[in-house]
C-alpha cells in the first residue's frame, strides 16, 4: 500500500437480489489484493460468495461469526481462511440469520462487527476489507455500515433498477446517516449487454445514472458517483444519436466468463486474465484506495 493511501473498509450493498453484488465484491477484493493486504468478508447468509470461492466446508462449520460477535470466545482469526487469490476470506455460514436475530437483542448490536472485526484488523493486519452484504435491511447491513462508513452500490439494467437504488438510499443509507457518516464511493452499473444507440434498458439505466438530479451524498449529484467506465455525458449521448462517434460500451459488461469464474471457484482475474472487464474492477479498486472518484 502506498504511503499516501489509508486503510479502508467498504460495504457492497443494494436492497435487491441478483444484481451482481457478490461478483462485484469478489472481483473488487481481488483487485484490491494487488494494492495491499485484503480481507473479503461475506455477510450474506446465502453464502453465495463463500461457496463460489470453494469454501463450502466453512459455510457449514460449527464455529461461526456469532462466536466472534456475541459469545466472545473466538476471534476473527479463528474463522478467516486464506484463499489462492491473494486475499483472505471471512466466510458466511448457514447460521448467519440466527446470528443476525441475536444481534438485534445485543447491547451495541450494530457496532459488533466494527469492534470485533474491523477495529482489530484494519490497518494492523489488512489494508482493505470488503463486505458482501445481504439484499435486505437488518442488523448485518447496519453492522457493515457502522464498520465501514463507505459503500458501493451495484446496479443492473431493468425496470426496477433505479427503484433498487432509491430503496437502498431510503431504507438503509439515509437512516444510517442520522447517526453516522456514510459515503457512497460509487454506483456501479453492471450486467450490461445491449446497445446504447437505441432505446434499450441499458441506455435507460445509463441516462438515469448520468443525468439524474438525485443526491448520492450530501451536495453530490448521482452522476459524480458513476465510475469513469460508465460515465457518459448528455453531450456524448447526443453525439452517439447523431452518429458522430462510435458507440461506446460503458459499464461492466455481461461476459460468460464472469459467471463461469465462480463455478470454477475463481475471481475473474484468475479465471480469465485477458478479460476486457478486468480494468473495470481495477478502477473500482482505485476508487476504494482513493476514498472516492477522482476525475
Protein backbone atom coordinates (compact mmCIF):
# COMPACT_ATOMS: atom_id res chain seq x y z
CA UNK A 1 0.00 0.00 0.00
CA UNK A 2 1.37 3.42 -0.94
CA UNK A 3 2.38 5.87 1.73
CA UNK A 4 -0.43 8.27 0.84
CA UNK A 5 -3.11 5.58 0.93
CA UNK A 6 -5.19 4.95 4.03
CA UNK A 7 -6.56 1.60 5.18
CA UNK A 8 -10.18 1.48 4.14
CA UNK A 9 -13.19 -0.80 4.54
CA UNK A 10 -16.13 -0.78 2.12
CA UNK A 11 -19.59 -2.37 2.03
CA UNK A 12 -21.00 -3.58 -1.28
CA UNK A 13 -24.76 -3.39 -0.83
CA UNK A 14 -28.10 -2.96 -2.56
CA UNK A 15 -31.52 -3.98 -1.31
CA UNK A 16 -32.22 -6.11 -4.36
CA UNK A 17 -31.07 -9.61 -5.20
CA UNK A 18 -29.47 -10.89 -8.36
CA UNK A 19 -27.72 -7.69 -9.41
CA UNK A 20 -24.14 -8.95 -9.32
CA UNK A 21 -23.36 -7.92 -5.75
CA UNK A 22 -21.23 -10.93 -4.86
CA UNK A 23 -19.49 -10.90 -8.22
CA UNK A 24 -18.66 -7.22 -7.76
CA UNK A 25 -17.48 -7.80 -4.18
CA UNK A 26 -15.20 -10.73 -5.01
CA UNK A 27 -13.60 -9.07 -8.00
CA UNK A 28 -13.16 -5.82 -6.10
CA UNK A 29 -11.37 -7.72 -3.33
CA UNK A 30 -9.21 -9.48 -5.92
CA UNK A 31 -8.04 -6.18 -7.42
CA UNK A 32 -7.53 -4.58 -4.00
CA UNK A 33 -5.27 -7.52 -3.19
CA UNK A 34 -2.95 -6.17 -5.90
CA UNK A 35 -2.66 -2.99 -3.85
CA UNK A 36 -2.40 -4.30 -0.30
CA UNK A 37 -3.40 -6.98 2.18
CA UNK A 38 -7.12 -7.58 1.74
CA UNK A 39 -9.88 -9.37 3.64
CA UNK A 40 -13.13 -10.33 1.93
CA UNK A 41 -15.96 -10.69 4.47
CA UNK A 42 -19.13 -12.49 3.35
CA UNK A 43 -22.06 -11.19 5.43
CA UNK A 44 -24.76 -12.62 3.17
CA UNK A 45 -26.49 -15.59 4.82
CA UNK A 46 -26.98 -17.25 1.42
CA UNK A 47 -23.21 -17.74 1.28
CA UNK A 48 -23.07 -17.30 -2.47
CA UNK A 49 -19.60 -15.75 -2.37
CA UNK A 50 -18.22 -18.20 0.22
CA UNK A 51 -19.46 -21.18 -1.76
CA UNK A 52 -18.43 -19.54 -5.05
CA UNK A 53 -14.86 -19.37 -3.79
CA UNK A 54 -14.95 -23.06 -2.91
CA UNK A 55 -15.34 -22.87 0.87
CA UNK A 56 -18.47 -24.97 1.32
CA UNK A 57 -16.91 -26.57 4.40
CA UNK A 58 -16.59 -23.18 6.10
CA UNK A 59 -20.22 -22.33 5.28
CA UNK A 60 -21.35 -25.38 7.24
CA UNK A 61 -18.77 -25.19 10.04
CA UNK A 62 -19.72 -25.30 13.71
CA UNK A 63 -17.74 -22.15 14.51
CA UNK A 64 -19.38 -19.05 13.02
CA UNK A 65 -19.42 -15.27 13.20
CA UNK A 66 -21.71 -15.41 16.20
CA UNK A 67 -18.88 -16.93 18.23
CA UNK A 68 -16.86 -13.80 17.46
CA UNK A 69 -19.56 -11.14 17.71
CA UNK A 70 -21.74 -12.48 20.51
CA UNK A 71 -20.09 -15.25 22.50
CA UNK A 72 -16.67 -13.64 22.74
CA UNK A 73 -14.90 -16.99 22.86
CA UNK A 74 -13.47 -16.73 19.33
CA UNK A 75 -11.58 -14.17 17.26
CA UNK A 76 -11.86 -13.41 13.55
CA UNK A 77 -8.60 -15.30 13.03
CA UNK A 78 -10.39 -18.48 14.12
CA UNK A 79 -12.70 -18.12 11.11
CA UNK A 80 -10.57 -16.45 8.44
CA UNK A 81 -9.42 -18.66 5.56
CA UNK A 82 -6.60 -17.99 3.15
CA UNK A 83 -7.63 -18.17 -0.50
CA UNK A 84 -5.45 -18.86 -3.53
CA UNK A 85 -6.21 -15.43 -4.96
CA UNK A 86 -4.20 -13.05 -2.81
CA UNK A 87 -6.92 -12.16 -0.31
CA UNK A 88 -8.31 -13.80 2.81
CA UNK A 89 -11.92 -14.80 3.41
CA UNK A 90 -14.12 -14.29 6.46
CA UNK A 91 -16.78 -16.81 5.41
CA UNK A 92 -20.54 -16.71 5.68
CA UNK A 93 -22.30 -19.57 7.43
CA UNK A 94 -25.65 -21.33 7.33
CA UNK A 95 -26.35 -19.94 10.82
CA UNK A 96 -25.84 -16.29 9.91
CA UNK A 97 -29.56 -15.49 10.00
CA UNK A 98 -29.65 -16.69 13.61
CA UNK A 99 -26.64 -14.51 14.38
CA UNK A 100 -28.49 -11.53 12.89
CA UNK A 101 -31.51 -12.19 15.10
CA UNK A 102 -29.28 -12.38 18.16
CA UNK A 103 -27.55 -9.11 17.25
CA UNK A 104 -30.93 -7.34 17.43
CA UNK A 105 -31.09 -8.04 21.16
CA UNK A 106 -27.42 -7.42 21.95
CA UNK A 107 -26.06 -4.28 23.57
CA UNK A 108 -24.39 -2.12 20.91
CA UNK A 109 -25.61 -4.75 18.46
CA UNK A 110 -24.99 -2.55 15.40
CA UNK A 111 -21.36 -1.94 16.32
CA UNK A 112 -20.19 -5.51 16.94
CA UNK A 113 -18.51 -6.03 13.55
CA UNK A 114 -16.71 -2.71 13.95
CA UNK A 115 -15.42 -3.51 17.43
CA UNK A 116 -14.75 -7.24 16.92
CA UNK A 117 -13.56 -7.39 13.31
CA UNK A 118 -12.69 -4.06 11.68
CA UNK A 119 -11.05 -2.21 14.57
CA UNK A 120 -8.66 -5.09 15.43
CA UNK A 121 -7.78 -5.91 11.81
CA UNK A 122 -7.96 -2.81 9.59
CA UNK A 123 -4.59 -1.08 9.44
CA UNK A 124 -2.80 -3.62 11.61
CA UNK A 125 -3.40 -6.77 9.58
CA UNK A 126 -5.26 -5.67 6.44
CA UNK A 127 -5.08 -2.59 4.26
CA UNK A 128 -8.55 -3.21 2.86
CA UNK A 129 -11.69 -5.04 3.99
CA UNK A 130 -14.59 -5.65 1.59
CA UNK A 131 -18.01 -6.68 2.94
CA UNK A 132 -20.52 -8.51 0.74
CA UNK A 133 -23.83 -7.54 2.36
CA UNK A 134 -27.34 -9.05 2.38
CA UNK A 135 -30.03 -7.86 -0.03
CA UNK A 136 -32.40 -6.89 2.80
CA UNK A 137 -32.27 -4.34 5.63
CA UNK A 138 -31.29 -5.65 9.05
CA UNK A 139 -28.59 -5.91 11.66
CA UNK A 140 -25.93 -7.33 9.34
CA UNK A 141 -26.26 -4.40 6.95
CA UNK A 142 -26.37 -1.97 9.88
CA UNK A 143 -23.18 -3.51 11.24
CA UNK A 144 -21.47 -3.23 7.85
CA UNK A 145 -22.34 0.45 7.51
CA UNK A 146 -21.16 1.26 11.03
CA UNK A 147 -17.97 -0.73 10.48
CA UNK A 148 -17.03 0.75 7.10
CA UNK A 149 -18.71 4.11 6.55
CA UNK A 150 -18.12 3.51 2.83
CA UNK A 151 -20.48 1.96 0.30
CA UNK A 152 -20.50 0.76 -3.28
CA UNK A 153 -23.91 0.12 -4.84
CA UNK A 154 -24.04 -2.29 -7.82
CA UNK A 155 -26.99 -1.84 -10.14
CA UNK A 156 -28.19 -3.64 -13.28
CA UNK A 157 -30.48 -2.66 -16.16
CA UNK A 158 -34.19 -3.32 -15.83
CA UNK A 159 -37.46 -1.70 -14.88
CA UNK A 160 -36.67 -1.85 -11.16
CA UNK A 161 -33.04 -0.70 -11.40
CA UNK A 162 -33.41 2.85 -10.11
CA UNK A 163 -36.07 1.63 -7.68
CA UNK A 164 -33.49 -0.67 -6.09
CA UNK A 165 -31.06 2.22 -5.78
CA UNK A 166 -33.67 4.53 -4.27
CA UNK A 167 -34.85 1.83 -1.86
CA UNK A 168 -31.29 1.29 -0.69
CA UNK A 169 -30.82 5.00 -0.09
CA UNK A 170 -34.18 5.50 1.63
CA UNK A 171 -34.29 2.35 3.76
CA UNK A 172 -30.61 1.84 4.56
CA UNK A 173 -28.23 4.71 3.80
CA UNK A 174 -30.33 7.72 4.84
CA UNK A 175 -31.50 6.20 8.17
CA UNK A 176 -27.89 5.32 8.98
CA UNK A 177 -26.80 8.87 8.20
CA UNK A 178 -28.88 10.12 11.12
CA UNK A 179 -26.23 8.56 13.36
CA UNK A 180 -23.04 8.04 11.33
CA UNK A 181 -21.30 9.32 8.20
CA UNK A 182 -21.84 7.06 5.20
CA UNK A 183 -20.06 7.87 1.95
CA UNK A 184 -21.27 6.29 -1.29
CA UNK A 185 -17.99 5.81 -3.13
CA UNK A 186 -19.56 4.59 -6.39
CA UNK A 187 -22.77 3.40 -8.03
CA UNK A 188 -21.71 0.58 -10.33
CA UNK A 189 -23.76 -0.38 -13.40
CA UNK A 190 -23.08 -3.98 -14.34
CA UNK A 191 -24.52 -6.84 -16.41
CA UNK A 192 -24.91 -4.53 -19.40
CA UNK A 193 -25.06 -6.17 -22.82
CA UNK A 194 -27.33 -4.12 -25.12
CA UNK A 195 -26.56 -1.26 -27.48
CA UNK A 196 -26.90 2.26 -26.15
CA UNK A 197 -27.52 3.93 -29.52
CA UNK A 198 -31.06 2.53 -29.27
CA UNK A 199 -33.77 2.80 -26.60
CA UNK A 200 -32.68 -0.20 -24.57
CA UNK A 201 -32.79 -0.83 -20.82
CA UNK A 202 -29.02 -0.34 -20.77
CA UNK A 203 -29.44 3.11 -22.33
CA UNK A 204 -32.20 4.00 -19.87
CA UNK A 205 -30.07 2.98 -16.88
CA UNK A 206 -27.03 4.93 -18.07
CA UNK A 207 -29.10 8.01 -18.81
CA UNK A 208 -30.68 7.84 -15.34
CA UNK A 209 -27.33 7.46 -13.60
CA UNK A 210 -25.55 10.12 -15.65
CA UNK A 211 -28.24 12.81 -15.83
CA UNK A 212 -30.49 12.33 -12.78
CA UNK A 213 -30.75 15.05 -10.15
CA UNK A 214 -30.71 12.66 -7.18
CA UNK A 215 -28.15 13.34 -4.48
CA UNK A 216 -25.99 10.32 -3.67
CA UNK A 217 -24.01 12.11 -0.97
CA UNK A 218 -24.89 15.45 0.62
CA UNK A 219 -24.28 18.08 -2.03
CA UNK A 220 -23.10 15.49 -4.59
CA UNK A 221 -25.29 14.55 -7.58
CA UNK A 222 -25.57 10.91 -8.53
CA UNK A 223 -23.53 11.22 -11.73
CA UNK A 224 -20.45 12.17 -9.72
CA UNK A 225 -20.54 8.69 -8.16
CA UNK A 226 -20.58 6.94 -11.55
CA UNK A 227 -17.16 5.42 -12.37
CA UNK A 228 -15.36 6.64 -15.47
CA UNK A 229 -16.03 3.30 -17.20
CA UNK A 230 -19.77 4.12 -17.11
CA UNK A 231 -19.72 7.91 -17.31
CA UNK A 232 -21.49 9.33 -20.36
CA UNK A 233 -22.42 13.00 -20.57
CA UNK A 234 -25.55 14.37 -22.22
CA UNK A 235 -23.29 15.75 -24.98
CA UNK A 236 -21.86 12.28 -25.60
CA UNK A 237 -25.37 10.82 -25.87
CA UNK A 238 -26.18 13.48 -28.48
CA UNK A 239 -23.05 12.58 -30.43
CA UNK A 240 -23.98 8.89 -30.28
CA UNK A 241 -27.51 9.59 -31.55
CA UNK A 242 -26.14 11.76 -34.37
CA UNK A 243 -23.72 9.03 -35.40
CA UNK A 244 -20.78 11.36 -34.85
CA UNK A 245 -18.82 8.90 -32.69
CA UNK A 246 -18.53 5.14 -32.40
CA UNK A 247 -20.96 3.74 -29.87
CA UNK A 248 -19.13 3.05 -26.61
CA UNK A 249 -19.79 0.03 -24.40
CA UNK A 250 -19.91 1.53 -20.90
CA UNK A 251 -20.45 -0.23 -17.58
CA UNK A 252 -19.37 -3.68 -16.53
CA UNK A 253 -20.49 -5.76 -19.49
CA UNK A 254 -22.05 -9.19 -19.38
CA UNK A 255 -19.42 -11.83 -20.04
CA UNK A 256 -19.99 -15.56 -19.66
CA UNK A 257 -16.55 -15.79 -18.05
CA UNK A 258 -17.85 -13.72 -15.13
CA UNK A 259 -20.45 -16.32 -14.21
CA UNK A 260 -18.23 -19.26 -15.11
CA UNK A 261 -15.40 -17.97 -12.94
CA UNK A 262 -17.32 -18.61 -9.71
CA UNK A 263 -18.39 -22.01 -10.98
CA UNK A 264 -14.65 -22.68 -11.03
CA UNK A 265 -14.17 -21.04 -7.60
CA UNK A 266 -12.11 -18.18 -9.00
CA UNK A 267 -12.30 -14.39 -9.41
CA UNK A 268 -12.27 -13.16 -13.00
CA UNK A 269 -8.59 -12.14 -12.81
CA UNK A 270 -7.55 -15.74 -12.18
CA UNK A 271 -10.11 -17.47 -14.41
CA UNK A 272 -9.77 -15.22 -17.45
CA UNK A 273 -6.83 -12.81 -17.02
CA UNK A 274 -7.31 -11.49 -20.56
CA UNK A 275 -10.93 -10.41 -19.93
CA UNK A 276 -11.74 -6.92 -21.14
CA UNK A 277 -13.76 -6.31 -17.95
CA UNK A 278 -10.83 -6.54 -15.53
CA UNK A 279 -9.98 -2.82 -15.97
CA UNK A 280 -13.43 -2.00 -14.57
CA UNK A 281 -12.65 -3.82 -11.34
CA UNK A 282 -9.21 -2.22 -11.28
CA UNK A 283 -10.94 1.16 -11.43
CA UNK A 284 -13.25 0.20 -8.56
CA UNK A 285 -10.20 -0.78 -6.51
CA UNK A 286 -8.63 2.61 -7.28
CA UNK A 287 -11.82 4.32 -6.09
CA UNK A 288 -11.60 2.48 -2.77
CA UNK A 289 -7.90 3.30 -2.47
CA UNK A 290 -8.56 7.00 -3.17
CA UNK A 291 -11.66 7.16 -0.97
CA UNK A 292 -13.82 8.23 -3.89
CA UNK A 293 -13.86 9.01 -7.60
CA UNK A 294 -11.22 11.40 -8.87
CA UNK A 295 -11.95 12.93 -12.27
